[in-house]
Amino acid sequence: MRRIPATPYPYLIFYEVSGDEIVVHAVRHSARDPSDLPGANE
């Protein structure tokens, strides 16, 4: 899973590239608790 900031907005986009498609798993505000972000327990 990859993460990219949505500059200039305070959001992070969590996504995965699979073959010829991009799957967005979550869009989260960057001030949220990082322990419950996608992939935090991996």
N, C-alpha and C. Protein backbone atom coordinates (compact mmCIF):
# COMPACT_ATOMS: atom_id res chain seq x y z
N MET A 1 0.85 -1.17 0.00
CA MET A 1 0.00 0.00 0.00
C MET A 1 0.90 1.23 0.00
N ARG A 2 0.49 2.22 -0.75
CA ARG A 2 1.24 3.46 -0.83
C ARG A 2 0.43 4.60 -0.24
N ARG A 3 1.14 5.68 0.06
CA ARG A 3 0.49 6.86 0.65
C ARG A 3 1.01 8.09 -0.06
N ILE A 4 0.10 9.01 -0.38
CA ILE A 4 0.49 10.26 -1.03
C ILE A 4 -0.29 11.40 -0.38
N PRO A 5 0.37 12.53 -0.10
CA PRO A 5 -0.36 13.67 0.46
C PRO A 5 -1.15 14.38 -0.64
N ALA A 6 -2.30 14.93 -0.28
CA ALA A 6 -3.14 15.67 -1.22
C ALA A 6 -2.85 17.16 -1.07
N THR A 7 -1.66 17.55 -1.43
CA THR A 7 -1.19 18.93 -1.30
C THR A 7 -2.05 19.85 -2.14
N PRO A 8 -2.48 20.96 -1.67
CA PRO A 8 -2.18 21.67 -0.43
C PRO A 8 -3.14 21.35 0.71
N TYR A 9 -3.94 20.32 0.57
CA TYR A 9 -4.93 19.96 1.58
C TYR A 9 -4.33 19.02 2.62
N PRO A 10 -4.85 19.02 3.84
CA PRO A 10 -4.26 18.19 4.91
C PRO A 10 -4.79 16.75 4.91
N TYR A 11 -4.77 16.11 3.73
CA TYR A 11 -5.26 14.74 3.63
C TYR A 11 -4.19 13.81 3.09
N LEU A 12 -4.28 12.55 3.48
CA LEU A 12 -3.41 11.51 2.96
C LEU A 12 -4.30 10.52 2.20
N ILE A 13 -3.83 10.10 1.03
CA ILE A 13 -4.57 9.13 0.23
C ILE A 13 -3.79 7.83 0.26
N PHE A 14 -4.44 6.76 0.69
CA PHE A 14 -3.83 5.44 0.76
C PHE A 14 -4.34 4.64 -0.42
N TYR A 15 -3.41 4.14 -1.24
CA TYR A 15 -3.82 3.46 -2.45
C TYR A 15 -2.88 2.30 -2.77
N GLU A 16 -3.31 1.49 -3.72
CA GLU A 16 -2.53 0.33 -4.14
C GLU A 16 -2.65 0.23 -5.66
N VAL A 17 -1.52 -0.04 -6.31
CA VAL A 17 -1.51 -0.24 -7.75
C VAL A 17 -1.59 -1.73 -8.00
N SER A 18 -2.60 -2.13 -8.77
CA SER A 18 -2.83 -3.54 -9.05
C SER A 18 -3.03 -3.71 -10.55
N GLY A 19 -2.00 -4.20 -11.23
CA GLY A 19 -2.10 -4.37 -12.68
C GLY A 19 -2.27 -3.03 -13.37
N ASP A 20 -3.40 -2.86 -14.04
CA ASP A 20 -3.64 -1.60 -14.76
C ASP A 20 -4.69 -0.73 -14.06
N GLU A 21 -4.87 -0.93 -12.76
CA GLU A 21 -5.82 -0.11 -12.02
C GLU A 21 -5.22 0.38 -10.71
N ILE A 22 -5.79 1.45 -10.18
CA ILE A 22 -5.39 2.00 -8.89
C ILE A 22 -6.59 1.86 -7.96
N VAL A 23 -6.36 1.24 -6.80
CA VAL A 23 -7.42 1.03 -5.82
C VAL A 23 -7.16 1.96 -4.65
N VAL A 24 -8.10 2.88 -4.39
CA VAL A 24 -7.98 3.80 -3.26
C VAL A 24 -8.62 3.13 -2.06
N HIS A 25 -7.83 2.96 -0.99
CA HIS A 25 -8.32 2.29 0.22
C HIS A 25 -8.87 3.27 1.24
N ALA A 26 -8.29 4.47 1.31
CA ALA A 26 -8.75 5.43 2.31
C ALA A 26 -8.26 6.82 1.97
N VAL A 27 -9.02 7.81 2.41
CA VAL A 27 -8.62 9.21 2.38
C VAL A 27 -8.79 9.71 3.80
N ARG A 28 -7.69 10.09 4.41
CA ARG A 28 -7.72 10.44 5.84
C ARG A 28 -7.14 11.82 6.08
N HIS A 29 -7.67 12.53 7.07
CA HIS A 29 -7.10 13.81 7.48
C HIS A 29 -5.77 13.51 8.18
N SER A 30 -4.76 14.28 7.89
CA SER A 30 -3.43 13.99 8.43
C SER A 30 -3.32 14.21 9.94
N ALA A 31 -4.28 14.88 10.55
CA ALA A 31 -4.24 15.09 12.00
C ALA A 31 -4.83 13.92 12.77
N ARG A 32 -5.39 12.94 12.09
CA ARG A 32 -5.98 11.77 12.76
C ARG A 32 -4.90 10.93 13.41
N ASP A 33 -5.30 10.13 14.39
CA ASP A 33 -4.39 9.23 15.10
C ASP A 33 -3.74 8.25 14.10
N PRO A 34 -2.42 8.28 13.97
CA PRO A 34 -1.76 7.42 12.98
C PRO A 34 -1.83 5.92 13.29
N SER A 35 -2.15 5.54 14.53
CA SER A 35 -2.20 4.12 14.86
C SER A 35 -3.37 3.40 14.20
N ASP A 36 -4.40 4.13 13.77
CA ASP A 36 -5.52 3.47 13.11
C ASP A 36 -5.55 3.75 11.60
N LEU A 37 -4.42 4.17 11.05
CA LEU A 37 -4.33 4.37 9.61
C LEU A 37 -4.18 3.03 8.90
N PRO A 38 -4.60 2.94 7.64
CA PRO A 38 -4.43 1.70 6.90
C PRO A 38 -2.96 1.28 6.84
N GLY A 39 -2.69 0.03 7.11
CA GLY A 39 -1.34 -0.49 7.05
C GLY A 39 -0.49 -0.20 8.28
N ALA A 40 -1.05 0.42 9.31
CA ALA A 40 -0.27 0.78 10.50
C ALA A 40 0.15 -0.45 11.29
N ASN A 41 -0.60 -1.52 11.20
CA ASN A 41 -0.29 -2.73 11.97
C ASN A 41 0.54 -3.73 11.18
N GLU A 42 0.97 -3.36 9.99
CA GLU A 42 1.74 -4.29 9.15
C GLU A 42 3.21 -4.11 9.37
